[in-house]
N, C-alpha and C. Protein backbone atom coordinates (compact mmCIF):
# COMPACT_ATOMS: atom_id res chain seq x y z
N UNK A 1 0.84 -1.17 0.00
CA UNK A 1 0.00 0.00 0.00
C UNK A 1 0.90 1.24 0.00
N UNK A 2 0.64 2.15 -0.92
CA UNK A 2 1.45 3.33 -1.09
C UNK A 2 0.66 4.55 -0.59
N UNK A 3 1.25 5.33 0.32
CA UNK A 3 0.59 6.51 0.88
C UNK A 3 1.23 7.75 0.28
N UNK A 4 0.39 8.64 -0.22
CA UNK A 4 0.90 9.87 -0.81
C UNK A 4 1.03 10.93 0.28
N UNK A 5 2.12 11.61 0.32
CA UNK A 5 2.40 12.64 1.32
C UNK A 5 1.79 13.98 0.91
N UNK A 6 1.56 14.20 -0.37
CA UNK A 6 1.08 15.48 -0.87
C UNK A 6 -0.27 15.88 -0.27
N UNK A 7 -1.30 15.02 -0.23
CA UNK A 7 -2.58 15.45 0.38
C UNK A 7 -2.44 15.81 1.86
N UNK A 8 -1.58 15.08 2.56
CA UNK A 8 -1.35 15.38 3.97
C UNK A 8 -0.68 16.74 4.14
N UNK A 9 0.28 17.06 3.29
CA UNK A 9 0.97 18.36 3.33
C UNK A 9 -0.01 19.50 3.04
N UNK A 10 -0.89 19.31 2.08
CA UNK A 10 -1.90 20.34 1.73
C UNK A 10 -2.85 20.55 2.91
N UNK A 11 -3.28 19.47 3.53
CA UNK A 11 -4.17 19.56 4.69
C UNK A 11 -3.52 20.33 5.83
N UNK A 12 -2.26 20.02 6.14
CA UNK A 12 -1.56 20.71 7.22
C UNK A 12 -1.34 22.19 6.90
N UNK A 13 -1.04 22.51 5.65
CA UNK A 13 -0.86 23.90 5.24
C UNK A 13 -2.16 24.68 5.39
N UNK A 14 -3.29 24.08 5.00
CA UNK A 14 -4.60 24.74 5.15
C UNK A 14 -4.94 24.97 6.62
N UNK A 15 -4.66 23.98 7.45
CA UNK A 15 -4.93 24.13 8.88
C UNK A 15 -4.13 25.28 9.47
N UNK A 16 -2.86 25.35 9.11
CA UNK A 16 -1.99 26.42 9.62
C UNK A 16 -2.49 27.78 9.14
N UNK A 17 -2.88 27.90 7.88
CA UNK A 17 -3.34 29.17 7.32
C UNK A 17 -4.64 29.62 7.99
N UNK A 18 -5.62 28.71 8.09
CA UNK A 18 -6.91 29.10 8.67
C UNK A 18 -6.82 29.36 10.16
N UNK A 19 -5.94 28.67 10.87
CA UNK A 19 -5.75 28.93 12.30
C UNK A 19 -5.18 30.32 12.51
N UNK A 20 -4.21 30.71 11.69
CA UNK A 20 -3.61 32.05 11.79
C UNK A 20 -4.65 33.12 11.46
N UNK A 21 -5.50 32.87 10.47
CA UNK A 21 -6.55 33.83 10.11
C UNK A 21 -7.55 34.00 11.24
N UNK A 22 -7.95 32.89 11.86
CA UNK A 22 -8.91 32.96 12.95
C UNK A 22 -8.33 33.71 14.14
N UNK A 23 -7.05 33.51 14.42
CA UNK A 23 -6.42 34.23 15.53
C UNK A 23 -6.35 35.71 15.25
N UNK A 24 -6.14 36.10 14.01
CA UNK A 24 -6.06 37.52 13.65
C UNK A 24 -7.42 38.18 13.84
N UNK A 25 -8.50 37.46 13.63
CA UNK A 25 -9.84 38.03 13.79
C UNK A 25 -10.15 38.32 15.26
N UNK A 26 -9.54 37.62 16.17
CA UNK A 26 -9.81 37.77 17.59
C UNK A 26 -8.73 38.58 18.30
N UNK A 27 -8.19 39.56 17.61
CA UNK A 27 -7.14 40.42 18.15
C UNK A 27 -7.66 41.24 19.33
N UNK A 28 -6.96 41.20 20.42
CA UNK A 28 -7.28 42.01 21.59
C UNK A 28 -6.34 43.21 21.62
N UNK A 29 -6.83 44.39 22.00
CA UNK A 29 -5.95 45.56 22.09
C UNK A 29 -4.79 45.29 23.04
N UNK A 30 -3.60 45.71 22.66
CA UNK A 30 -2.42 45.47 23.48
C UNK A 30 -2.03 46.66 24.33
N UNK A 31 -2.32 47.88 23.89
CA UNK A 31 -1.90 49.01 24.71
C UNK A 31 -3.09 49.72 25.33
N UNK A 32 -2.85 50.43 26.41
CA UNK A 32 -3.91 51.06 27.18
C UNK A 32 -4.66 52.11 26.38
N UNK A 33 -3.96 52.86 25.52
CA UNK A 33 -4.63 53.89 24.73
C UNK A 33 -5.67 53.28 23.80
N UNK A 34 -5.32 52.17 23.15
CA UNK A 34 -6.26 51.53 22.24
C UNK A 34 -7.47 51.02 23.01
N UNK A 35 -7.28 50.46 24.21
CA UNK A 35 -8.39 49.98 25.03
C UNK A 35 -9.27 51.14 25.48
N UNK A 36 -8.67 52.23 25.90
CA UNK A 36 -9.43 53.37 26.41
C UNK A 36 -10.26 54.03 25.32
N UNK A 37 -9.82 53.94 24.08
CA UNK A 37 -10.56 54.59 23.00
C UNK A 37 -11.83 53.83 22.64
N UNK A 38 -11.98 52.62 23.13
CA UNK A 38 -13.15 51.81 22.82
C UNK A 38 -14.15 51.89 23.97
N UNK A 39 -14.72 53.07 24.18
CA UNK A 39 -15.67 53.29 25.25
C UNK A 39 -17.08 53.01 24.75
N UNK A 40 -17.82 52.26 25.52
CA UNK A 40 -19.20 51.93 25.17
C UNK A 40 -20.09 53.17 25.27
N UNK A 41 -21.19 53.14 24.55
CA UNK A 41 -22.13 54.26 24.57
C UNK A 41 -22.77 54.42 25.96
N UNK A 42 -22.98 53.35 26.68
CA UNK A 42 -23.67 53.41 27.97
C UNK A 42 -22.69 53.43 29.14
N UNK A 43 -21.74 54.35 29.07
CA UNK A 43 -20.81 54.53 30.17
C UNK A 43 -20.21 55.93 30.08
N UNK A 44 -19.55 56.33 31.14
CA UNK A 44 -18.92 57.63 31.14
C UNK A 44 -18.22 57.92 32.45
N UNK A 45 -17.48 59.02 32.45
CA UNK A 45 -16.75 59.48 33.63
C UNK A 45 -17.61 60.48 34.38
N UNK A 46 -17.74 60.32 35.68
CA UNK A 46 -18.57 61.20 36.51
C UNK A 46 -17.89 62.56 36.66
N UNK A 47 -18.59 63.61 36.21
CA UNK A 47 -18.10 64.98 36.37
C UNK A 47 -18.67 65.63 37.62
N UNK A 48 -19.94 65.30 37.93
CA UNK A 48 -20.59 65.81 39.14
C UNK A 48 -21.78 64.92 39.45
N UNK A 49 -22.25 64.99 40.71
CA UNK A 49 -23.43 64.21 41.08
C UNK A 49 -24.22 64.95 42.15
N UNK A 50 -25.55 64.70 42.14
CA UNK A 50 -26.45 65.33 43.10
C UNK A 50 -27.44 64.25 43.55
N UNK A 51 -27.60 64.07 44.86
CA UNK A 51 -28.60 63.14 45.40
C UNK A 51 -29.85 63.92 45.75
N UNK A 52 -30.99 63.45 45.25
CA UNK A 52 -32.27 64.10 45.56
C UNK A 52 -33.43 63.19 45.21
N UNK A 53 -34.41 63.14 46.10
CA UNK A 53 -35.66 62.44 45.82
C UNK A 53 -35.52 60.98 45.44
N UNK A 54 -34.58 60.27 46.04
CA UNK A 54 -34.43 58.84 45.75
C UNK A 54 -33.59 58.56 44.51
N UNK A 55 -33.04 59.59 43.91
CA UNK A 55 -32.21 59.45 42.71
C UNK A 55 -30.83 60.07 42.93
N UNK A 56 -29.87 59.57 42.18
CA UNK A 56 -28.58 60.24 42.06
C UNK A 56 -28.50 60.74 40.63
N UNK A 57 -28.44 62.04 40.49
CA UNK A 57 -28.29 62.66 39.17
C UNK A 57 -26.79 62.79 38.93
N UNK A 58 -26.32 62.27 37.79
CA UNK A 58 -24.89 62.30 37.49
C UNK A 58 -24.64 62.96 36.15
N UNK A 59 -23.72 63.91 36.15
CA UNK A 59 -23.27 64.47 34.88
C UNK A 59 -22.08 63.63 34.44
N UNK A 60 -22.18 63.05 33.25
CA UNK A 60 -21.14 62.17 32.73
C UNK A 60 -20.51 62.77 31.48
N UNK A 61 -19.30 62.30 31.19
CA UNK A 61 -18.61 62.68 29.95
C UNK A 61 -18.14 61.40 29.28
N UNK A 62 -18.41 61.31 27.97
CA UNK A 62 -18.00 60.16 27.18
C UNK A 62 -17.62 60.66 25.80
N UNK A 63 -16.36 60.52 25.44
CA UNK A 63 -15.91 60.92 24.12
C UNK A 63 -16.11 62.40 23.82
N UNK A 64 -16.00 63.24 24.85
CA UNK A 64 -16.17 64.68 24.67
C UNK A 64 -17.61 65.14 24.81
N UNK A 65 -18.56 64.22 24.91
CA UNK A 65 -19.97 64.57 25.09
C UNK A 65 -20.33 64.55 26.58
N UNK A 66 -21.02 65.61 27.02
CA UNK A 66 -21.48 65.68 28.41
C UNK A 66 -22.99 65.47 28.42
N UNK A 67 -23.46 64.68 29.40
CA UNK A 67 -24.88 64.38 29.50
C UNK A 67 -25.21 64.01 30.94
N UNK A 68 -26.52 64.02 31.26
CA UNK A 68 -26.98 63.71 32.60
C UNK A 68 -27.75 62.41 32.60
N UNK A 69 -27.55 61.62 33.68
CA UNK A 69 -28.35 60.43 33.92
C UNK A 69 -28.94 60.52 35.32
N UNK A 70 -30.03 59.80 35.54
CA UNK A 70 -30.64 59.70 36.87
C UNK A 70 -30.75 58.21 37.19
N UNK A 71 -30.16 57.80 38.31
CA UNK A 71 -30.15 56.40 38.73
C UNK A 71 -30.73 56.31 40.13
N UNK A 72 -31.21 55.13 40.52
CA UNK A 72 -31.57 54.97 41.93
C UNK A 72 -30.37 55.40 42.78
N UNK A 73 -30.61 55.94 43.97
CA UNK A 73 -29.55 56.49 44.80
C UNK A 73 -28.32 55.58 44.80
N UNK A 74 -27.18 56.17 44.41
CA UNK A 74 -25.94 55.43 44.20
C UNK A 74 -24.78 56.22 44.77
N UNK A 75 -23.85 55.55 45.41
CA UNK A 75 -22.64 56.21 45.91
C UNK A 75 -21.62 56.25 44.78
N UNK A 76 -21.32 57.46 44.28
CA UNK A 76 -20.30 57.65 43.25
C UNK A 76 -19.43 58.83 43.62
N UNK A 77 -18.25 58.86 43.07
CA UNK A 77 -17.32 59.96 43.29
C UNK A 77 -16.98 60.60 41.95
N UNK A 78 -16.66 61.88 41.97
CA UNK A 78 -16.19 62.55 40.77
C UNK A 78 -14.95 61.81 40.29
N UNK A 79 -14.92 61.51 39.01
CA UNK A 79 -13.80 60.78 38.43
C UNK A 79 -14.07 59.30 38.24
N UNK A 80 -15.09 58.75 38.93
CA UNK A 80 -15.44 57.34 38.73
C UNK A 80 -15.87 57.13 37.28
N UNK A 81 -15.56 55.97 36.75
CA UNK A 81 -16.00 55.59 35.40
C UNK A 81 -17.10 54.57 35.61
N UNK A 82 -18.30 54.89 35.14
CA UNK A 82 -19.42 53.98 35.38
C UNK A 82 -20.04 53.50 34.09
N UNK A 83 -20.67 52.35 34.19
CA UNK A 83 -21.52 51.80 33.14
C UNK A 83 -22.95 51.85 33.67
N UNK A 84 -23.91 51.98 32.75
CA UNK A 84 -25.30 52.03 33.19
C UNK A 84 -26.19 51.30 32.22
N UNK A 85 -27.37 50.92 32.73
CA UNK A 85 -28.39 50.28 31.90
C UNK A 85 -29.49 51.31 31.69
N UNK A 86 -29.63 51.74 30.43
CA UNK A 86 -30.59 52.79 30.09
C UNK A 86 -32.01 52.26 30.12
N UNK A 87 -32.92 53.08 30.67
CA UNK A 87 -34.32 52.70 30.73
C UNK A 87 -35.17 53.61 29.85
N UNK A 88 -35.02 54.95 30.02
CA UNK A 88 -35.88 55.89 29.31
C UNK A 88 -35.17 57.23 29.19
N UNK A 89 -35.37 57.92 28.07
CA UNK A 89 -34.80 59.24 27.86
C UNK A 89 -35.93 60.27 27.90
N UNK A 90 -35.74 61.31 28.70
CA UNK A 90 -36.74 62.39 28.81
C UNK A 90 -36.10 63.69 28.31
N UNK A 91 -36.84 64.46 27.56
CA UNK A 91 -36.37 65.77 27.14
C UNK A 91 -37.11 66.83 27.93
N UNK A 92 -36.42 67.91 28.22
CA UNK A 92 -36.97 69.01 29.02
C UNK A 92 -37.61 68.52 30.32
N UNK A 93 -36.89 67.64 31.01
CA UNK A 93 -37.39 67.07 32.26
C UNK A 93 -37.13 68.04 33.41
N UNK A 94 -38.20 68.36 34.14
CA UNK A 94 -38.08 69.25 35.29
C UNK A 94 -38.12 68.44 36.57
N UNK A 95 -37.06 68.57 37.37
CA UNK A 95 -37.01 67.95 38.68
C UNK A 95 -37.52 68.99 39.67
N UNK A 96 -38.67 68.71 40.28
CA UNK A 96 -39.23 69.65 41.25
C UNK A 96 -38.37 69.71 42.50
N UNK A 97 -37.76 68.57 42.87
CA UNK A 97 -36.91 68.55 44.06
C UNK A 97 -35.68 69.44 43.89
N UNK A 98 -35.10 69.41 42.69
CA UNK A 98 -33.91 70.22 42.42
C UNK A 98 -34.25 71.60 41.88
N UNK A 99 -35.54 71.80 41.52
CA UNK A 99 -35.97 73.06 40.90
C UNK A 99 -35.07 73.35 39.70
N UNK A 100 -34.95 72.33 38.83
CA UNK A 100 -34.06 72.43 37.69
C UNK A 100 -34.65 71.66 36.51
N UNK A 101 -34.45 72.18 35.31
CA UNK A 101 -34.88 71.49 34.10
C UNK A 101 -33.66 71.00 33.34
N UNK A 102 -33.67 69.72 32.99
CA UNK A 102 -32.60 69.11 32.21
C UNK A 102 -33.05 69.05 30.76
N UNK A 103 -32.21 69.51 29.84
CA UNK A 103 -32.55 69.44 28.41
C UNK A 103 -32.82 68.01 27.99
N UNK A 104 -31.95 67.11 28.40
CA UNK A 104 -32.11 65.67 28.18
C UNK A 104 -31.63 64.97 29.44
N UNK A 105 -32.43 64.03 29.91
CA UNK A 105 -32.07 63.26 31.09
C UNK A 105 -32.32 61.79 30.79
N UNK A 106 -31.32 60.96 31.01
CA UNK A 106 -31.44 59.52 30.78
C UNK A 106 -31.72 58.86 32.13
N UNK A 107 -32.88 58.24 32.26
CA UNK A 107 -33.19 57.46 33.46
C UNK A 107 -32.60 56.07 33.27
N UNK A 108 -31.91 55.58 34.29
CA UNK A 108 -31.26 54.28 34.20
C UNK A 108 -31.74 53.38 35.32
N UNK A 109 -31.70 52.08 35.07
CA UNK A 109 -32.17 51.12 36.07
C UNK A 109 -31.05 50.70 37.02
N UNK A 110 -29.80 50.74 36.52
CA UNK A 110 -28.68 50.35 37.39
C UNK A 110 -27.38 50.97 36.88
N UNK A 111 -26.42 51.08 37.81
CA UNK A 111 -25.09 51.55 37.45
C UNK A 111 -24.06 50.62 38.06
N UNK A 112 -22.87 50.65 37.49
CA UNK A 112 -21.76 49.83 37.98
C UNK A 112 -20.49 50.63 37.79
N UNK A 113 -19.67 50.72 38.83
CA UNK A 113 -18.39 51.40 38.71
C UNK A 113 -17.43 50.47 37.99
N UNK A 114 -16.88 50.98 36.88
CA UNK A 114 -15.96 50.21 36.05
C UNK A 114 -14.58 50.30 36.65
N UNK A 115 -13.97 49.19 36.92
CA UNK A 115 -12.62 49.14 37.52
C UNK A 115 -11.56 49.20 36.45
């Protein structure tokens, strides 16, 4: 019985090529700058916060955009990076407790401090 080496060599070459291609598709960022530039839409850095009426109102910044969210009372510090789960967006929302109107306010169901 004679075994040809050529089909085996072609099979091994294909496996090596496709394995390298699959690994390239799953590239993870290697440096901190590249990781930091991939910020999710539902997160931001806390610029300020106000507790009132069972809510914590937080001014966040993400990619140069500043916006306000309202979450159930939460302990946060200026500079914390948080993620949130969006529930509803209100425009021209007036908080009677704060005696303030927000152009846009995002109500969220939960927040998490990103480590």
